C-alpha atoms as a PDB file:
ATOM      1  CA  MET A   1      14.743  21.357  23.868  1.00  0.00           C
ATOM      2  CA  LYS A   2      15.068  17.606  23.864  1.00  0.00           C
ATOM      3  CA  LYS A   3      13.271  16.223  20.599  1.00  0.00           C
ATOM      4  CA  GLN A   4      10.305  13.766  21.204  1.00  0.00           C
ATOM      5  CA  THR A   5       9.801  10.352  19.895  1.00  0.00           C
ATOM      6  CA  LEU A   6       7.172   8.891  18.711  1.00  0.00           C
ATOM      7  CA  GLY A   7       6.629   5.455  21.118  1.00  0.00           C
ATOM      8  CA  HIS A   8       9.182   3.062  20.774  1.00  0.00           C
ATOM      9  CA  GLN A   9      10.588   4.779  17.446  1.00  0.00           C
ATOM     10  CA  SER A  10      13.507   6.841  17.068  1.00  0.00           C
ATOM     11  CA  ASN A  11      13.983  10.357  15.562  1.00  0.00           C
ATOM     12  CA  HIS A  12      15.741   8.814  12.703  1.00  0.00           C
ATOM     13  CA  VAL A  13      12.788   6.614  11.161  1.00  0.00           C
ATOM     14  CA  THR A  14      11.587   7.537   7.858  1.00  0.00           C
ATOM     15  CA  LYS A  15       7.920   7.877   6.666  1.00  0.00           C
ATOM     16  CA  SER A  16       8.452   4.882   4.607  1.00  0.00           C
ATOM     17  CA  GLU A  17      10.046   2.953   7.462  1.00  0.00           C
ATOM     18  CA  ARG A  18       6.840   3.865   9.827  1.00  0.00           C
ATOM     19  CA  VAL A  19       4.404   2.704   7.487  1.00  0.00           C
ATOM     20  CA  GLU A  20       6.107  -0.689   6.396  1.00  0.00           C
ATOM     21  CA  ASN A  21       6.491  -1.263  10.285  1.00  0.00           C
ATOM     22  CA  LEU A  22       2.747  -0.345  10.858  1.00  0.00           C
ATOM     23  CA  TRP A  23       1.618  -2.760   7.514  1.00  0.00           C
ATOM     24  CA  LYS A  24       3.980  -5.611   8.622  1.00  0.00           C
ATOM     25  CA  LYS A  25       2.380  -5.301  12.135  1.00  0.00           C
ATOM     26  CA  LEU A  26      -1.276  -5.404  10.349  1.00  0.00           C
ATOM     27  CA  ILE A  27      -0.556  -8.411   8.071  1.00  0.00           C
ATOM     28  CA  ARG A  28       1.058 -10.025  10.943  1.00  0.00           C
ATOM     29  CA  GLN A  29      -1.997  -9.718  12.636  1.00  0.00           C
ATOM     30  CA  GLU A  30      -4.552 -10.882   9.760  1.00  0.00           C
ATOM     31  CA  THR A  31      -2.485 -13.948   8.718  1.00  0.00           C
ATOM     32  CA  ASP A  32      -0.033 -16.578   9.474  1.00  0.00           C
ATOM     33  CA  LEU A  33       2.673 -15.531   6.799  1.00  0.00           C
ATOM     34  CA  SER A  34       6.650 -15.713   7.969  1.00  0.00           C
ATOM     35  CA  ASP A  35       8.301 -12.396   8.566  1.00  0.00           C
ATOM     36  CA  GLU A  36      10.543 -12.936   5.175  1.00  0.00           C
ATOM     37  CA  THR A  37       7.072 -12.826   3.200  1.00  0.00           C
ATOM     38  CA  ILE A  38       5.438 -10.014   5.217  1.00  0.00           C
ATOM     39  CA  ALA A  39       8.618  -8.136   4.934  1.00  0.00           C
ATOM     40  CA  TRP A  40       8.428  -8.946   1.218  1.00  0.00           C
ATOM     41  CA  MET A  41       4.779  -7.647   0.866  1.00  0.00           C
ATOM     42  CA  THR A  42       5.137  -4.384   2.805  1.00  0.00           C
ATOM     43  CA  ARG A  43       8.452  -3.274   0.629  1.00  0.00           C
ATOM     44  CA  ARG A  44       6.577  -4.572  -2.690  1.00  0.00           C
ATOM     45  CA  ILE A  45       3.254  -2.592  -1.448  1.00  0.00           C
ATOM     46  CA  LEU A  46       5.630   0.663  -0.789  1.00  0.00           C
ATOM     47  CA  LEU A  47       6.779   0.139  -4.105  1.00  0.00           C
ATOM     48  CA  LEU A  48       3.481   0.250  -6.048  1.00  0.00           C
ATOM     49  CA  THR A  49       1.964   3.039  -4.352  1.00  0.00           C
ATOM     50  CA  GLU A  50       5.248   5.084  -5.433  1.00  0.00           C
ATOM     51  CA  TYR A  51       4.676   3.910  -8.959  1.00  0.00           C
ATOM     52  CA  MET A  52       1.006   4.195  -9.282  1.00  0.00           C
ATOM     53  CA  GLN A  53       1.630   8.020  -8.451  1.00  0.00           C
ATOM     54  CA  TYR A  54       3.030   8.494 -12.115  1.00  0.00           C
ATOM     55  CA  GLY A  55       2.100   5.725 -13.786  1.00  0.00           C
ATOM     56  CA  CYS A  56      -0.003   2.560 -14.491  1.00  0.00           C
ATOM     57  CA  ALA A  57       0.364  -0.589 -12.908  1.00  0.00           C
ATOM     58  CA  LEU A  58      -0.765  -4.396 -12.969  1.00  0.00           C
ATOM     59  CA  ILE A  59      -1.938  -5.609  -9.532  1.00  0.00           C
ATOM     60  CA  ALA A  60      -3.032  -8.901  -8.130  1.00  0.00           C
ATOM     61  CA  TYR A  61      -4.681  -9.361  -5.083  1.00  0.00           C
ATOM     62  CA  ARG A  62      -7.521 -11.672  -3.391  1.00  0.00           C
ATOM     63  CA  LYS A  63     -10.665  -9.897  -2.908  1.00  0.00           C
ATOM     64  CA  GLN A  64     -12.339 -10.228   0.559  1.00  0.00           C
ATOM     65  CA  ASN A  65     -14.547 -12.851  -0.851  1.00  0.00           C
ATOM     66  CA  GLY A  66     -11.153 -14.732  -1.868  1.00  0.00           C
ATOM     67  CA  GLU A  67     -11.856 -14.329  -5.366  1.00  0.00           C
ATOM     68  CA  PHE A  68      -8.442 -13.488  -7.313  1.00  0.00           C
ATOM     69  CA  TYR A  69      -8.325 -10.230  -8.897  1.00  0.00           C
ATOM     70  CA  MET A  70      -5.915  -8.731 -11.514  1.00  0.00           C
ATOM     71  CA  GLY A  71      -6.459  -5.299 -12.753  1.00  0.00           C
ATOM     72  CA  ARG A  72      -4.766  -2.477 -13.730  1.00  0.00           C
ATOM     73  CA  GLY A  73      -4.217   0.743 -11.458  1.00  0.00           C
ATOM     74  CA  THR A  74      -3.088   4.280 -10.956  1.00  0.00           C
ATOM     75  CA  LEU A  75      -2.963   6.970  -8.690  1.00  0.00           C
ATOM     76  CA  ILE A  76      -2.061   9.869 -11.137  1.00  0.00           C
ATOM     77  CA  HIS A  77      -5.795  11.547 -10.801  1.00  0.00           C
ATOM     78  CA  TYR A  78      -5.457  11.086  -6.658  1.00  0.00           C
ATOM     79  CA  GLU A  79      -4.817  14.601  -6.152  1.00  0.00           C
ATOM     80  CA  ALA A  80      -7.224  16.112  -8.261  1.00  0.00           C
ATOM     81  CA  ASP A  81     -10.150  13.674  -7.225  1.00  0.00           C
ATOM     82  CA  PHE A  82      -9.363  14.049  -3.498  1.00  0.00           C
ATOM     83  CA  HIS A  83      -8.285  17.511  -3.221  1.00  0.00           C
ATOM     84  CA  ARG A  84      -5.152  16.480  -1.294  1.00  0.00           C
ATOM     85  CA  LYS A  85      -1.538  14.877  -1.982  1.00  0.00           C
ATOM     86  CA  TYR A  86      -1.374  11.200  -1.866  1.00  0.00           C
ATOM     87  CA  ASP A  87       0.171   9.997   1.875  1.00  0.00           C
ATOM     88  CA  ILE A  88       0.965   6.659   1.869  1.00  0.00           C
ATOM     89  CA  GLU A  89       0.887   7.273   6.047  1.00  0.00           C
ATOM     90  CA  ARG A  90      -2.854   7.436   5.435  1.00  0.00           C
ATOM     91  CA  ILE A  91      -3.063   3.826   4.350  1.00  0.00           C
ATOM     92  CA  GLN A  92      -4.082   1.884   7.323  1.00  0.00           C
ATOM     93  CA  ASN A  93      -5.303  -1.523   5.999  1.00  0.00           C
ATOM     94  CA  HIS A  94      -6.392  -0.525   2.523  1.00  0.00           C
ATOM     95  CA  VAL A  95      -4.662   0.707  -0.473  1.00  0.00           C
ATOM     96  CA  VAL A  96      -6.797   2.948  -2.477  1.00  0.00           C
ATOM     97  CA  TYR A  97      -6.289   2.957  -6.482  1.00  0.00           C
ATOM     98  CA  TRP A  98      -7.677   3.776  -9.554  1.00  0.00           C
ATOM     99  CA  ASP A  99      -9.396   0.710 -11.376  1.00  0.00           C
ATOM    100  CA  ILE A 100      -8.777   1.663 -15.009  1.00  0.00           C
ATOM    101  CA  GLU A 101     -11.108  -1.085 -16.215  1.00  0.00           C
ATOM    102  CA  GLN A 102     -13.820  -0.486 -14.077  1.00  0.00           C
ATOM    103  CA  GLN A 103     -13.567   3.588 -14.201  1.00  0.00           C
ATOM    104  CA  GLY A 104     -13.264   3.839 -10.325  1.00  0.00           C
ATOM    105  CA  TRP A 105     -11.652   4.241  -7.217  1.00  0.00           C
ATOM    106  CA  ARG A 106     -11.226   0.794  -5.755  1.00  0.00           C
ATOM    107  CA  THR A 107      -9.250  -0.762  -2.305  1.00  0.00           C
ATOM    108  CA  PHE A 108      -7.596  -3.778  -1.622  1.00  0.00           C
ATOM    109  CA  GLN A 109      -6.629  -5.271   2.425  1.00  0.00           C
ATOM    110  CA  ILE A 110      -2.820  -4.735   2.290  1.00  0.00           C
ATOM    111  CA  GLU A 111      -3.083  -8.587   3.581  1.00  0.00           C
ATOM    112  CA  ASN A 112      -4.485  -9.567   0.577  1.00  0.00           C
ATOM    113  CA  PHE A 113      -1.697  -8.326  -1.917  1.00  0.00           C
ATOM    114  CA  LEU A 114       0.096 -10.960  -4.104  1.00  0.00           C
ATOM    115  CA  GLU A 115       1.897  -9.055  -6.899  1.00  0.00           C
ATOM    116  CA  TRP A 116       2.220  -6.011  -9.466  1.00  0.00           C
ATOM    117  CA  LYS A 117       4.121  -4.849 -12.166  1.00  0.00           C
ATOM    118  CA  PRO A 118       4.641  -1.725 -14.175  1.00  0.00           C
ATOM    119  CA  MET A 119       2.698  -1.321 -17.307  1.00  0.00           C
ATOM    120  CA  ILE A 120       4.347  -0.052 -20.385  1.00  0.00           C
END
């Protein structure tokens, strides 16, 4: 039996690569950023979401109204609160995270992401 491919993607594309390609397309549609910047953003967001599952990160992004925001976020309690495992493929255009200062779940649009760093 022949393996089926997903659209134009080969059988050898990882979940991370599929997600990064989707995010690149979405960011390209919403901004006029260079391909290099978009590739950097998608990779940094992927690393952020991987890290937040086990730790806390300082996240910087622009809110929808254009204001700069920097906060501490994590995904440590995601599974307990949402009763399912965290799956990066569920991220369409917003990244969800627990805001430690505001004590609530928040989101930011991927095209508004600026940078993050681990909190120790």
